[in-house]
Amino acid sequence: MKALHVIITVAFCIAAVCSSGQQVSAEVGRVSTTFHYRDSKGNSTLLLNPETHFSYGVGYRQSITNKIHYGGSLLFNEYGSNGVDTYQIHEFAWRVKYAGFEGRFDWDFVKTNSFSLFIRAAAGYQFFIGGTQQIDKETINLSRVEQFNKPLWFITPSAGATYCLSEKAAFAVSYRYGYGAAHGSDESGQEHLHFTTNTISIGLLWNLSTCKYCKGINY
């Protein structure tokens, strides 16, 4: 419930900022996730493979200059991984859902009236919504498993491009790398789980009435 309260609060904050912001956005993508697990002795006892699932985001963006922008997003991601133990006796699979938020800065290092290439620095938190772990043929609900109940902090550098379709809308495509770990899970002598992700997304940015990002576009 605490996670839900945080997400709702951030949603209202984003809505408030969007009322005076320059762009709002929506995106959908495919996220490939690898789980990295270490037991309490520091050993990696599993051989895990990535799985690919869907990723969604909505957000806003404000301009500091013509090429530098800041903003935030609400995120929903489904992560998965599968594999075997080092003796290849037992099979494992995870599928989990997280929702959260991030703050970000964009820099358009190449920009014309209708096209831009950008890099982005972003970080935020994601909260467990639900998920399962399968060990051989047994399925376990992860809602009470400590490694998943803790919020994940994520750093997500990315790069992409935008193309203005009109003075009001732009198409965006991006690649995002992510590193996420459970908050407070790095103490010695504890089990440790972290994620690495690779996400390809497409989306749209809508300019508000005061936005000049795509004004005077030229093809």
N, C-alpha and C. Protein backbone atom coordinates (compact mmCIF):
# COMPACT_ATOMS: atom_id res chain seq x y z
N MET A 1 0.82 -1.21 0.00
CA MET A 1 0.00 0.00 0.00
C MET A 1 0.85 1.26 0.00
N LYS A 2 2.02 1.23 0.71
CA LYS A 2 2.90 2.39 0.70
C LYS A 2 3.37 2.70 -0.71
N ALA A 3 3.71 1.63 -1.46
CA ALA A 3 4.17 1.84 -2.84
C ALA A 3 3.08 2.50 -3.67
N LEU A 4 1.83 2.05 -3.50
CA LEU A 4 0.72 2.63 -4.25
C LEU A 4 0.54 4.10 -3.90
N HIS A 5 0.67 4.45 -2.63
CA HIS A 5 0.53 5.85 -2.21
C HIS A 5 1.61 6.71 -2.84
N VAL A 6 2.83 6.19 -2.90
CA VAL A 6 3.93 6.96 -3.51
C VAL A 6 3.65 7.19 -4.98
N ILE A 7 3.22 6.15 -5.69
CA ILE A 7 2.96 6.27 -7.13
C ILE A 7 1.84 7.26 -7.39
N ILE A 8 0.77 7.21 -6.60
CA ILE A 8 -0.35 8.14 -6.78
C ILE A 8 0.12 9.58 -6.53
N THR A 9 0.92 9.78 -5.50
CA THR A 9 1.42 11.12 -5.19
C THR A 9 2.25 11.66 -6.36
N VAL A 10 3.14 10.82 -6.88
CA VAL A 10 3.97 11.26 -8.00
C VAL A 10 3.11 11.54 -9.22
N ALA A 11 2.06 10.74 -9.44
CA ALA A 11 1.16 10.97 -10.58
C ALA A 11 0.52 12.34 -10.50
N PHE A 12 0.05 12.73 -9.30
CA PHE A 12 -0.55 14.06 -9.14
C PHE A 12 0.48 15.16 -9.36
N CYS A 13 1.72 14.93 -8.91
CA CYS A 13 2.77 15.93 -9.12
C CYS A 13 3.06 16.10 -10.60
N ILE A 14 3.14 14.99 -11.33
CA ILE A 14 3.38 15.08 -12.77
C ILE A 14 2.22 15.79 -13.47
N ALA A 15 0.99 15.47 -13.06
CA ALA A 15 -0.16 16.13 -13.66
C ALA A 15 -0.10 17.65 -13.44
N ALA A 16 0.33 18.05 -12.24
CA ALA A 16 0.41 19.48 -11.93
C ALA A 16 1.48 20.15 -12.78
N VAL A 17 2.63 19.49 -12.94
CA VAL A 17 3.69 20.07 -13.75
C VAL A 17 3.29 20.12 -15.21
N CYS A 18 2.58 19.09 -15.69
CA CYS A 18 2.18 19.05 -17.09
C CYS A 18 1.29 20.23 -17.46
N SER A 19 0.55 20.74 -16.48
CA SER A 19 -0.33 21.86 -16.78
C SER A 19 0.44 23.09 -17.21
N SER A 20 1.72 23.17 -16.84
CA SER A 20 2.53 24.30 -17.27
C SER A 20 3.74 23.83 -18.08
N GLY A 21 3.80 22.54 -18.38
CA GLY A 21 4.95 21.98 -19.07
C GLY A 21 4.91 22.27 -20.55
N GLN A 22 5.90 21.74 -21.25
CA GLN A 22 5.98 21.98 -22.69
C GLN A 22 5.59 20.76 -23.51
N GLN A 23 5.86 19.57 -23.00
CA GLN A 23 5.50 18.37 -23.74
C GLN A 23 5.02 17.29 -22.77
N VAL A 24 4.06 16.49 -23.22
CA VAL A 24 3.70 15.26 -22.53
C VAL A 24 3.98 14.11 -23.47
N SER A 25 4.21 12.93 -22.92
CA SER A 25 4.64 11.82 -23.76
C SER A 25 4.00 10.52 -23.32
N ALA A 26 3.98 9.57 -24.25
CA ALA A 26 3.56 8.20 -23.97
C ALA A 26 4.43 7.29 -24.82
N GLU A 27 4.84 6.15 -24.23
CA GLU A 27 5.71 5.24 -24.97
C GLU A 27 5.41 3.80 -24.60
N VAL A 28 5.75 2.90 -25.50
CA VAL A 28 5.62 1.47 -25.26
C VAL A 28 6.88 0.82 -25.82
N GLY A 29 7.34 -0.23 -25.15
CA GLY A 29 8.56 -0.87 -25.61
C GLY A 29 8.65 -2.32 -25.18
N ARG A 30 9.76 -2.92 -25.56
CA ARG A 30 10.06 -4.29 -25.17
C ARG A 30 11.32 -4.27 -24.32
N VAL A 31 11.22 -4.84 -23.12
CA VAL A 31 12.33 -4.83 -22.19
C VAL A 31 12.86 -6.25 -21.99
N SER A 32 14.15 -6.41 -22.22
CA SER A 32 14.83 -7.69 -21.99
C SER A 32 15.55 -7.60 -20.65
N THR A 33 15.30 -8.57 -19.77
CA THR A 33 15.80 -8.49 -18.40
C THR A 33 16.63 -9.72 -18.05
N THR A 34 17.76 -9.47 -17.39
CA THR A 34 18.55 -10.55 -16.81
C THR A 34 18.60 -10.35 -15.30
N PHE A 35 18.26 -11.39 -14.55
CA PHE A 35 18.36 -11.36 -13.09
C PHE A 35 19.78 -11.82 -12.70
N HIS A 36 20.36 -11.13 -11.73
CA HIS A 36 21.68 -11.52 -11.21
C HIS A 36 21.51 -11.81 -9.72
N TYR A 37 21.71 -13.06 -9.34
CA TYR A 37 21.45 -13.49 -7.97
C TYR A 37 22.75 -13.95 -7.30
N ARG A 38 22.91 -13.54 -6.03
CA ARG A 38 24.05 -13.95 -5.22
C ARG A 38 23.52 -14.40 -3.86
N ASP A 39 23.95 -15.57 -3.39
CA ASP A 39 23.45 -16.06 -2.11
C ASP A 39 24.18 -15.37 -0.95
N SER A 40 23.85 -15.77 0.28
CA SER A 40 24.38 -15.09 1.47
C SER A 40 25.89 -15.27 1.61
N LYS A 41 26.49 -16.22 0.89
CA LYS A 41 27.93 -16.41 0.90
C LYS A 41 28.63 -15.70 -0.26
N GLY A 42 27.83 -14.98 -1.06
CA GLY A 42 28.41 -14.26 -2.18
C GLY A 42 28.57 -15.08 -3.44
N ASN A 43 27.99 -16.28 -3.47
CA ASN A 43 28.14 -17.15 -4.63
C ASN A 43 27.00 -16.98 -5.62
N SER A 44 27.31 -17.03 -6.89
CA SER A 44 26.29 -17.02 -7.95
C SER A 44 25.98 -18.47 -8.29
N THR A 45 24.86 -18.95 -7.82
CA THR A 45 24.53 -20.37 -7.92
C THR A 45 23.58 -20.69 -9.06
N LEU A 46 23.18 -19.68 -9.84
CA LEU A 46 22.22 -19.90 -10.91
C LEU A 46 22.78 -19.41 -12.24
N LEU A 47 22.42 -20.12 -13.30
CA LEU A 47 22.77 -19.72 -14.66
C LEU A 47 21.48 -19.22 -15.32
N LEU A 48 21.35 -17.90 -15.42
CA LEU A 48 20.07 -17.31 -15.82
C LEU A 48 20.15 -16.66 -17.20
N ASN A 49 19.02 -16.75 -17.91
CA ASN A 49 18.88 -16.17 -19.24
C ASN A 49 17.86 -15.03 -19.21
N PRO A 50 17.99 -14.05 -20.12
CA PRO A 50 17.01 -12.96 -20.15
C PRO A 50 15.70 -13.39 -20.80
N GLU A 51 14.61 -12.74 -20.39
CA GLU A 51 13.32 -12.83 -21.07
C GLU A 51 12.90 -11.44 -21.50
N THR A 52 12.04 -11.38 -22.51
CA THR A 52 11.59 -10.09 -23.04
C THR A 52 10.10 -9.93 -22.82
N HIS A 53 9.71 -8.78 -22.24
CA HIS A 53 8.31 -8.47 -21.96
C HIS A 53 8.05 -7.00 -22.30
N PHE A 54 6.85 -6.51 -21.94
CA PHE A 54 6.46 -5.16 -22.33
C PHE A 54 6.83 -4.13 -21.26
N SER A 55 7.05 -2.91 -21.74
CA SER A 55 7.35 -1.76 -20.90
C SER A 55 6.48 -0.59 -21.36
N TYR A 56 5.95 0.20 -20.40
CA TYR A 56 5.10 1.34 -20.72
C TYR A 56 5.53 2.55 -19.91
N GLY A 57 5.30 3.73 -20.47
CA GLY A 57 5.63 4.95 -19.73
C GLY A 57 4.81 6.13 -20.19
N VAL A 58 4.48 7.03 -19.27
CA VAL A 58 3.86 8.33 -19.58
C VAL A 58 4.61 9.38 -18.79
N GLY A 59 4.75 10.58 -19.37
CA GLY A 59 5.51 11.58 -18.65
C GLY A 59 5.37 12.97 -19.21
N TYR A 60 6.30 13.83 -18.81
CA TYR A 60 6.30 15.22 -19.25
C TYR A 60 7.74 15.65 -19.48
N ARG A 61 7.91 16.76 -20.20
CA ARG A 61 9.24 17.30 -20.43
C ARG A 61 9.18 18.82 -20.50
N GLN A 62 10.11 19.49 -19.84
CA GLN A 62 10.24 20.94 -19.88
C GLN A 62 11.58 21.28 -20.50
N SER A 63 11.68 22.42 -21.14
CA SER A 63 12.92 22.86 -21.75
C SER A 63 13.63 23.88 -20.86
N ILE A 64 14.94 23.66 -20.67
CA ILE A 64 15.79 24.65 -20.01
C ILE A 64 16.36 25.59 -21.07
N THR A 65 16.89 24.99 -22.15
CA THR A 65 17.32 25.72 -23.34
C THR A 65 16.73 25.01 -24.53
N ASN A 66 17.10 25.43 -25.72
CA ASN A 66 16.60 24.80 -26.93
C ASN A 66 17.02 23.34 -27.04
N LYS A 67 18.14 22.95 -26.38
CA LYS A 67 18.66 21.60 -26.51
C LYS A 67 18.70 20.82 -25.20
N ILE A 68 18.43 21.45 -24.08
CA ILE A 68 18.50 20.77 -22.79
C ILE A 68 17.11 20.78 -22.15
N HIS A 69 16.68 19.61 -21.67
CA HIS A 69 15.33 19.45 -21.14
C HIS A 69 15.38 18.61 -19.86
N TYR A 70 14.39 18.78 -19.01
CA TYR A 70 14.24 17.92 -17.85
C TYR A 70 12.79 17.46 -17.76
N GLY A 71 12.57 16.38 -17.03
CA GLY A 71 11.19 15.89 -16.92
C GLY A 71 11.11 14.68 -16.02
N GLY A 72 10.00 13.96 -16.13
CA GLY A 72 9.77 12.78 -15.32
C GLY A 72 8.75 11.87 -15.98
N SER A 73 8.73 10.62 -15.55
CA SER A 73 7.83 9.62 -16.12
C SER A 73 7.27 8.71 -15.05
N LEU A 74 6.07 8.22 -15.29
CA LEU A 74 5.53 7.08 -14.57
C LEU A 74 5.75 5.84 -15.43
N LEU A 75 6.18 4.74 -14.82
CA LEU A 75 6.61 3.57 -15.57
C LEU A 75 5.88 2.32 -15.10
N PHE A 76 5.66 1.42 -16.04
CA PHE A 76 5.16 0.08 -15.72
C PHE A 76 6.00 -0.91 -16.53
N ASN A 77 6.62 -1.86 -15.85
CA ASN A 77 7.48 -2.84 -16.52
C ASN A 77 7.17 -4.25 -16.05
N GLU A 78 7.30 -5.17 -16.98
CA GLU A 78 7.22 -6.59 -16.65
C GLU A 78 8.59 -7.20 -16.92
N TYR A 79 9.18 -7.80 -15.88
CA TYR A 79 10.52 -8.37 -15.98
C TYR A 79 10.44 -9.89 -15.87
N GLY A 80 11.37 -10.57 -16.55
CA GLY A 80 11.40 -12.02 -16.46
C GLY A 80 12.78 -12.57 -16.72
N SER A 81 13.03 -13.75 -16.17
CA SER A 81 14.30 -14.43 -16.40
C SER A 81 14.09 -15.91 -16.13
N ASN A 82 14.92 -16.74 -16.74
CA ASN A 82 14.81 -18.18 -16.51
C ASN A 82 16.19 -18.81 -16.60
N GLY A 83 16.32 -20.01 -16.05
CA GLY A 83 17.60 -20.70 -16.11
C GLY A 83 17.62 -21.93 -15.24
N VAL A 84 18.83 -22.36 -14.91
CA VAL A 84 19.04 -23.58 -14.13
C VAL A 84 20.09 -23.29 -13.06
N ASP A 85 20.21 -24.23 -12.09
CA ASP A 85 21.30 -24.09 -11.12
C ASP A 85 22.61 -24.56 -11.77
N THR A 86 23.70 -24.36 -11.07
CA THR A 86 25.01 -24.68 -11.67
C THR A 86 25.19 -26.17 -11.94
N TYR A 87 24.39 -27.01 -11.27
CA TYR A 87 24.47 -28.46 -11.52
C TYR A 87 23.47 -28.90 -12.58
N GLN A 88 22.68 -27.94 -13.08
CA GLN A 88 21.67 -28.19 -14.12
C GLN A 88 20.68 -29.28 -13.70
N ILE A 89 20.31 -29.22 -12.40
CA ILE A 89 19.33 -30.18 -11.87
C ILE A 89 17.95 -29.53 -11.81
N HIS A 90 17.88 -28.29 -11.33
CA HIS A 90 16.61 -27.62 -11.14
C HIS A 90 16.45 -26.47 -12.13
N GLU A 91 15.21 -26.28 -12.59
CA GLU A 91 14.89 -25.19 -13.50
C GLU A 91 14.18 -24.07 -12.73
N PHE A 92 14.49 -22.83 -13.10
CA PHE A 92 13.92 -21.67 -12.43
C PHE A 92 13.36 -20.71 -13.47
N ALA A 93 12.30 -19.99 -13.09
CA ALA A 93 11.75 -18.93 -13.95
C ALA A 93 11.06 -17.89 -13.06
N TRP A 94 11.23 -16.62 -13.41
CA TRP A 94 10.58 -15.52 -12.71
C TRP A 94 9.83 -14.67 -13.71
N ARG A 95 8.68 -14.17 -13.29
CA ARG A 95 7.96 -13.13 -14.03
C ARG A 95 7.36 -12.18 -13.00
N VAL A 96 7.80 -10.92 -13.03
CA VAL A 96 7.39 -9.95 -12.01
C VAL A 96 6.98 -8.64 -12.68
N LYS A 97 6.10 -7.90 -11.99
CA LYS A 97 5.61 -6.62 -12.49
C LYS A 97 5.96 -5.52 -11.50
N TYR A 98 6.47 -4.41 -12.03
CA TYR A 98 6.85 -3.26 -11.21
C TYR A 98 6.26 -1.99 -11.80
N ALA A 99 5.90 -1.05 -10.94
CA ALA A 99 5.48 0.29 -11.35
C ALA A 99 6.30 1.30 -10.55
N GLY A 100 6.58 2.45 -11.16
CA GLY A 100 7.39 3.42 -10.45
C GLY A 100 7.50 4.73 -11.20
N PHE A 101 8.54 5.48 -10.89
CA PHE A 101 8.73 6.80 -11.48
C PHE A 101 10.22 7.07 -11.63
N GLU A 102 10.55 8.02 -12.50
CA GLU A 102 11.94 8.43 -12.66
C GLU A 102 12.00 9.91 -13.02
N GLY A 103 13.11 10.54 -12.69
CA GLY A 103 13.43 11.89 -13.14
C GLY A 103 14.53 11.80 -14.18
N ARG A 104 14.60 12.79 -15.10
CA ARG A 104 15.55 12.65 -16.19
C ARG A 104 15.96 14.01 -16.76
N PHE A 105 17.13 14.01 -17.40
CA PHE A 105 17.62 15.15 -18.17
C PHE A 105 17.94 14.68 -19.58
N ASP A 106 17.51 15.45 -20.59
CA ASP A 106 17.79 15.16 -21.99
C ASP A 106 18.70 16.24 -22.57
N TRP A 107 19.59 15.81 -23.44
CA TRP A 107 20.41 16.75 -24.21
C TRP A 107 20.32 16.40 -25.68
N ASP A 108 19.79 17.31 -26.49
CA ASP A 108 19.74 17.13 -27.95
C ASP A 108 21.10 17.53 -28.51
N PHE A 109 21.99 16.56 -28.70
CA PHE A 109 23.32 16.89 -29.19
C PHE A 109 23.34 17.15 -30.69
N VAL A 110 22.29 16.70 -31.39
CA VAL A 110 22.05 17.07 -32.80
C VAL A 110 20.61 17.53 -32.89
N LYS A 111 20.36 18.72 -33.44
CA LYS A 111 18.99 19.21 -33.53
C LYS A 111 18.81 20.09 -34.75
N THR A 112 17.79 19.75 -35.53
CA THR A 112 17.33 20.61 -36.61
C THR A 112 15.90 21.03 -36.28
N ASN A 113 15.24 21.72 -37.19
CA ASN A 113 13.86 22.14 -36.91
C ASN A 113 12.90 20.96 -36.76
N SER A 114 13.22 19.83 -37.39
CA SER A 114 12.27 18.71 -37.36
C SER A 114 12.84 17.42 -36.79
N PHE A 115 14.14 17.38 -36.52
CA PHE A 115 14.78 16.12 -36.14
C PHE A 115 15.80 16.38 -35.03
N SER A 116 15.92 15.42 -34.10
CA SER A 116 16.95 15.54 -33.08
C SER A 116 17.47 14.17 -32.67
N LEU A 117 18.72 14.13 -32.25
CA LEU A 117 19.31 12.98 -31.58
C LEU A 117 19.60 13.39 -30.15
N PHE A 118 19.24 12.55 -29.18
CA PHE A 118 19.42 12.95 -27.79
C PHE A 118 20.05 11.84 -26.96
N ILE A 119 20.67 12.22 -25.87
CA ILE A 119 21.08 11.29 -24.83
C ILE A 119 20.37 11.70 -23.55
N ARG A 120 20.15 10.74 -22.66
CA ARG A 120 19.35 11.00 -21.46
C ARG A 120 20.00 10.35 -20.24
N ALA A 121 20.01 11.08 -19.15
CA ALA A 121 20.40 10.53 -17.85
C ALA A 121 19.14 10.47 -16.99
N ALA A 122 18.87 9.30 -16.41
CA ALA A 122 17.62 9.13 -15.65
C ALA A 122 17.85 8.19 -14.48
N ALA A 123 17.07 8.39 -13.44
CA ALA A 123 17.12 7.51 -12.26
C ALA A 123 15.79 7.59 -11.54
N GLY A 124 15.44 6.54 -10.83
CA GLY A 124 14.17 6.54 -10.10
C GLY A 124 13.98 5.28 -9.30
N TYR A 125 12.75 5.10 -8.83
CA TYR A 125 12.38 3.95 -8.01
C TYR A 125 11.22 3.20 -8.67
N GLN A 126 11.23 1.88 -8.49
CA GLN A 126 10.13 1.05 -8.95
C GLN A 126 9.69 0.14 -7.80
N PHE A 127 8.37 -0.16 -7.76
CA PHE A 127 7.78 -0.89 -6.65
C PHE A 127 7.09 -2.15 -7.16
N PHE A 128 7.26 -3.22 -6.42
CA PHE A 128 6.72 -4.53 -6.78
C PHE A 128 5.19 -4.51 -6.75
N ILE A 129 4.57 -4.97 -7.81
CA ILE A 129 3.11 -5.09 -7.89
C ILE A 129 2.68 -6.55 -7.72
N GLY A 130 3.40 -7.45 -8.35
CA GLY A 130 3.05 -8.86 -8.26
C GLY A 130 3.97 -9.68 -9.13
N GLY A 131 3.97 -10.99 -8.86
CA GLY A 131 4.81 -11.86 -9.68
C GLY A 131 4.94 -13.24 -9.08
N THR A 132 5.55 -14.13 -9.85
CA THR A 132 5.70 -15.52 -9.42
C THR A 132 7.10 -16.01 -9.74
N GLN A 133 7.50 -17.02 -8.99
CA GLN A 133 8.73 -17.75 -9.26
C GLN A 133 8.36 -19.22 -9.45
N GLN A 134 8.94 -19.83 -10.47
CA GLN A 134 8.69 -21.25 -10.70
C GLN A 134 9.98 -22.02 -10.47
N ILE A 135 9.93 -23.02 -9.62
CA ILE A 135 11.05 -23.93 -9.38
C ILE A 135 10.60 -25.31 -9.82
N ASP A 136 11.18 -25.78 -10.90
CA ASP A 136 10.71 -27.01 -11.55
C ASP A 136 9.21 -26.85 -11.86
N LYS A 137 8.36 -27.63 -11.24
CA LYS A 137 6.92 -27.52 -11.53
C LYS A 137 6.15 -26.80 -10.42
N GLU A 138 6.86 -26.29 -9.43
CA GLU A 138 6.21 -25.59 -8.32
C GLU A 138 6.22 -24.08 -8.56
N THR A 139 5.05 -23.44 -8.37
CA THR A 139 4.92 -22.00 -8.56
C THR A 139 4.77 -21.32 -7.21
N ILE A 140 5.58 -20.27 -6.97
CA ILE A 140 5.59 -19.55 -5.70
C ILE A 140 5.18 -18.10 -5.93
N ASN A 141 4.25 -17.61 -5.12
CA ASN A 141 3.87 -16.19 -5.15
C ASN A 141 4.96 -15.39 -4.44
N LEU A 142 5.45 -14.33 -5.09
CA LEU A 142 6.59 -13.57 -4.56
C LEU A 142 6.18 -12.38 -3.70
N SER A 143 4.90 -12.25 -3.39
CA SER A 143 4.43 -11.05 -2.69
C SER A 143 5.04 -10.91 -1.30
N ARG A 144 5.49 -12.00 -0.70
CA ARG A 144 6.07 -11.92 0.64
C ARG A 144 7.56 -12.24 0.67
N VAL A 145 8.18 -12.26 -0.49
CA VAL A 145 9.62 -12.54 -0.56
C VAL A 145 10.38 -11.24 -0.43
N GLU A 146 11.30 -11.17 0.54
CA GLU A 146 11.94 -9.91 0.91
C GLU A 146 12.66 -9.24 -0.25
N GLN A 147 13.37 -10.01 -1.07
CA GLN A 147 14.14 -9.40 -2.16
C GLN A 147 13.25 -8.65 -3.15
N PHE A 148 11.98 -9.04 -3.25
CA PHE A 148 11.08 -8.39 -4.20
C PHE A 148 10.21 -7.34 -3.53
N ASN A 149 9.97 -7.45 -2.24
CA ASN A 149 9.14 -6.47 -1.54
C ASN A 149 9.82 -5.12 -1.39
N LYS A 150 11.14 -5.10 -1.37
CA LYS A 150 11.86 -3.84 -1.26
C LYS A 150 11.77 -3.07 -2.58
N PRO A 151 11.68 -1.73 -2.53
CA PRO A 151 11.67 -0.95 -3.77
C PRO A 151 12.99 -1.10 -4.50
N LEU A 152 12.92 -1.06 -5.82
CA LEU A 152 14.13 -1.10 -6.64
C LEU A 152 14.55 0.32 -6.99
N TRP A 153 15.81 0.65 -6.82
CA TRP A 153 16.32 1.89 -7.39
C TRP A 153 16.94 1.56 -8.74
N PHE A 154 16.70 2.41 -9.71
CA PHE A 154 17.15 2.17 -11.08
C PHE A 154 17.92 3.37 -11.60
N ILE A 155 19.02 3.12 -12.31
CA ILE A 155 19.65 4.13 -13.15
C ILE A 155 19.46 3.68 -14.59
N THR A 156 19.05 4.60 -15.46
CA THR A 156 18.66 4.21 -16.82
C THR A 156 19.17 5.22 -17.85
N PRO A 157 20.46 5.20 -18.18
CA PRO A 157 20.92 6.04 -19.29
C PRO A 157 20.32 5.55 -20.60
N SER A 158 20.08 6.48 -21.52
CA SER A 158 19.47 6.09 -22.79
C SER A 158 19.87 7.06 -23.89
N ALA A 159 19.56 6.67 -25.11
CA ALA A 159 19.80 7.50 -26.29
C ALA A 159 18.67 7.27 -27.26
N GLY A 160 18.38 8.28 -28.07
CA GLY A 160 17.29 8.12 -29.02
C GLY A 160 17.19 9.26 -30.00
N ALA A 161 16.06 9.30 -30.70
CA ALA A 161 15.82 10.32 -31.71
C ALA A 161 14.36 10.73 -31.68
N THR A 162 14.10 11.97 -32.06
CA THR A 162 12.73 12.46 -32.23
C THR A 162 12.58 13.04 -33.62
N TYR A 163 11.37 12.96 -34.15
CA TYR A 163 11.07 13.51 -35.48
C TYR A 163 9.71 14.19 -35.41
N CYS A 164 9.67 15.46 -35.73
CA CYS A 164 8.42 16.21 -35.64
C CYS A 164 7.48 15.83 -36.78
N LEU A 165 6.30 15.36 -36.42
CA LEU A 165 5.28 15.01 -37.41
C LEU A 165 4.45 16.23 -37.78
N SER A 166 4.34 17.17 -36.85
CA SER A 166 3.62 18.42 -37.05
C SER A 166 4.14 19.39 -36.01
N GLU A 167 3.52 20.57 -35.92
CA GLU A 167 3.92 21.51 -34.88
C GLU A 167 3.45 21.07 -33.50
N LYS A 168 2.58 20.08 -33.45
CA LYS A 168 2.03 19.62 -32.17
C LYS A 168 2.55 18.27 -31.71
N ALA A 169 3.09 17.47 -32.60
CA ALA A 169 3.43 16.10 -32.23
C ALA A 169 4.77 15.68 -32.83
N ALA A 170 5.49 14.85 -32.07
CA ALA A 170 6.76 14.31 -32.53
C ALA A 170 6.80 12.81 -32.24
N PHE A 171 7.41 12.07 -33.13
CA PHE A 171 7.63 10.64 -32.95
C PHE A 171 8.99 10.44 -32.27
N ALA A 172 9.07 9.49 -31.36
CA ALA A 172 10.32 9.25 -30.63
C ALA A 172 10.64 7.76 -30.61
N VAL A 173 11.91 7.45 -30.72
CA VAL A 173 12.40 6.09 -30.57
C VAL A 173 13.63 6.14 -29.68
N SER A 174 13.80 5.15 -28.79
CA SER A 174 14.94 5.20 -27.88
C SER A 174 15.39 3.82 -27.47
N TYR A 175 16.66 3.76 -27.08
CA TYR A 175 17.22 2.57 -26.43
C TYR A 175 17.60 2.96 -25.01
N ARG A 176 17.26 2.11 -24.04
CA ARG A 176 17.53 2.41 -22.64
C ARG A 176 18.19 1.21 -21.96
N TYR A 177 19.32 1.47 -21.32
CA TYR A 177 19.96 0.46 -20.48
C TYR A 177 19.57 0.72 -19.03
N GLY A 178 19.31 -0.33 -18.28
CA GLY A 178 18.93 -0.15 -16.90
C GLY A 178 19.69 -1.05 -15.94
N TYR A 179 20.01 -0.50 -14.78
CA TYR A 179 20.58 -1.29 -13.69
C TYR A 179 19.71 -1.03 -12.47
N GLY A 180 19.14 -2.09 -11.90
CA GLY A 180 18.26 -1.92 -10.75
C GLY A 180 18.60 -2.90 -9.64
N ALA A 181 18.52 -2.44 -8.41
CA ALA A 181 18.79 -3.30 -7.26
C ALA A 181 17.83 -2.95 -6.13
N ALA A 182 17.55 -3.92 -5.29
CA ALA A 182 16.65 -3.69 -4.16
C ALA A 182 17.30 -2.72 -3.18
N HIS A 183 16.54 -1.73 -2.77
CA HIS A 183 17.05 -0.72 -1.84
C HIS A 183 17.43 -1.36 -0.51
N GLY A 184 18.67 -1.12 -0.07
CA GLY A 184 19.12 -1.67 1.21
C GLY A 184 19.54 -3.11 1.15
N SER A 185 19.84 -3.63 -0.07
CA SER A 185 20.17 -5.06 -0.18
C SER A 185 21.66 -5.32 -0.34
N ASP A 186 22.51 -4.30 -0.19
CA ASP A 186 23.94 -4.46 -0.45
C ASP A 186 24.77 -4.77 0.79
N GLU A 187 24.11 -4.98 1.94
CA GLU A 187 24.86 -5.28 3.14
C GLU A 187 25.55 -6.64 3.00
N SER A 188 26.74 -6.77 3.60
CA SER A 188 27.46 -8.04 3.52
C SER A 188 26.69 -9.12 4.26
N GLY A 189 26.84 -10.35 3.81
CA GLY A 189 26.20 -11.47 4.48
C GLY A 189 24.74 -11.62 4.16
N GLN A 190 24.22 -10.92 3.14
CA GLN A 190 22.82 -11.05 2.76
C GLN A 190 22.71 -11.49 1.31
N GLU A 191 21.59 -12.14 1.02
CA GLU A 191 21.29 -12.45 -0.37
C GLU A 191 21.17 -11.15 -1.16
N HIS A 192 21.55 -11.20 -2.41
CA HIS A 192 21.51 -9.99 -3.22
C HIS A 192 20.94 -10.32 -4.60
N LEU A 193 20.03 -9.49 -5.06
CA LEU A 193 19.44 -9.64 -6.38
C LEU A 193 19.44 -8.29 -7.07
N HIS A 194 19.97 -8.24 -8.28
CA HIS A 194 19.83 -7.03 -9.07
C HIS A 194 19.49 -7.39 -10.51
N PHE A 195 18.93 -6.41 -11.22
CA PHE A 195 18.48 -6.60 -12.59
C PHE A 195 19.35 -5.76 -13.53
N THR A 196 19.57 -6.27 -14.74
CA THR A 196 20.05 -5.42 -15.83
C THR A 196 19.02 -5.54 -16.96
N THR A 197 18.71 -4.42 -17.58
CA THR A 197 17.65 -4.40 -18.59
C THR A 197 18.13 -3.69 -19.85
N ASN A 198 17.54 -4.07 -20.96
CA ASN A 198 17.74 -3.40 -22.25
C ASN A 198 16.36 -3.18 -22.85
N THR A 199 16.01 -1.92 -23.13
CA THR A 199 14.66 -1.59 -23.57
C THR A 199 14.71 -0.80 -24.87
N ILE A 200 13.92 -1.22 -25.84
CA ILE A 200 13.70 -0.46 -27.07
C ILE A 200 12.26 0.06 -27.02
N SER A 201 12.09 1.38 -27.16
CA SER A 201 10.75 1.98 -27.04
C SER A 201 10.44 2.88 -28.22
N ILE A 202 9.16 2.98 -28.53
CA ILE A 202 8.67 3.99 -29.47
C ILE A 202 7.56 4.77 -28.77
N GLY A 203 7.37 6.01 -29.18
CA GLY A 203 6.35 6.80 -28.51
C GLY A 203 6.05 8.09 -29.24
N LEU A 204 5.18 8.88 -28.64
CA LEU A 204 4.79 10.18 -29.17
C LEU A 204 4.98 11.24 -28.10
N LEU A 205 5.39 12.44 -28.53
CA LEU A 205 5.43 13.61 -27.66
C LEU A 205 4.43 14.62 -28.20
N TRP A 206 3.58 15.13 -27.31
CA TRP A 206 2.60 16.13 -27.72
C TRP A 206 3.02 17.49 -27.16
N ASN A 207 3.12 18.47 -28.04
CA ASN A 207 3.48 19.81 -27.62
C ASN A 207 2.26 20.54 -27.09
N LEU A 208 2.42 21.20 -25.96
CA LEU A 208 1.36 22.04 -25.45
C LEU A 208 1.39 23.39 -26.16
N SER A 209 0.40 24.22 -25.89
CA SER A 209 0.23 25.44 -26.67
C SER A 209 1.43 26.37 -26.61
N THR A 210 2.17 26.34 -25.49
CA THR A 210 3.32 27.24 -25.35
C THR A 210 4.62 26.63 -25.85
N CYS A 211 4.58 25.38 -26.29
CA CYS A 211 5.81 24.69 -26.67
C CYS A 211 6.30 25.13 -28.04
N LYS A 212 7.59 25.42 -28.16
CA LYS A 212 8.18 25.81 -29.43
C LYS A 212 9.10 24.73 -29.97
N TYR A 213 9.04 23.52 -29.38
CA TYR A 213 9.98 22.47 -29.77
C TYR A 213 9.86 22.13 -31.26
N CYS A 214 8.65 22.08 -31.78
CA CYS A 214 8.46 21.74 -33.19
C CYS A 214 7.93 22.92 -33.99
N LYS A 215 8.00 24.13 -33.44
CA LYS A 215 7.52 25.29 -34.20
C LYS A 215 8.41 25.53 -35.41
N GLY A 216 7.82 25.91 -36.51
CA GLY A 216 8.57 26.24 -37.70
C GLY A 216 9.31 25.05 -38.27
N ILE A 217 8.69 23.83 -38.14
CA ILE A 217 9.38 22.64 -38.64
C ILE A 217 9.66 22.78 -40.12
N ASN A 218 10.76 22.14 -40.52
CA ASN A 218 11.10 22.18 -41.92
C ASN A 218 11.59 20.81 -42.36
N TYR A 219 10.91 20.30 -43.36
CA TYR A 219 11.24 18.97 -43.87
C TYR A 219 12.23 19.13 -45.00
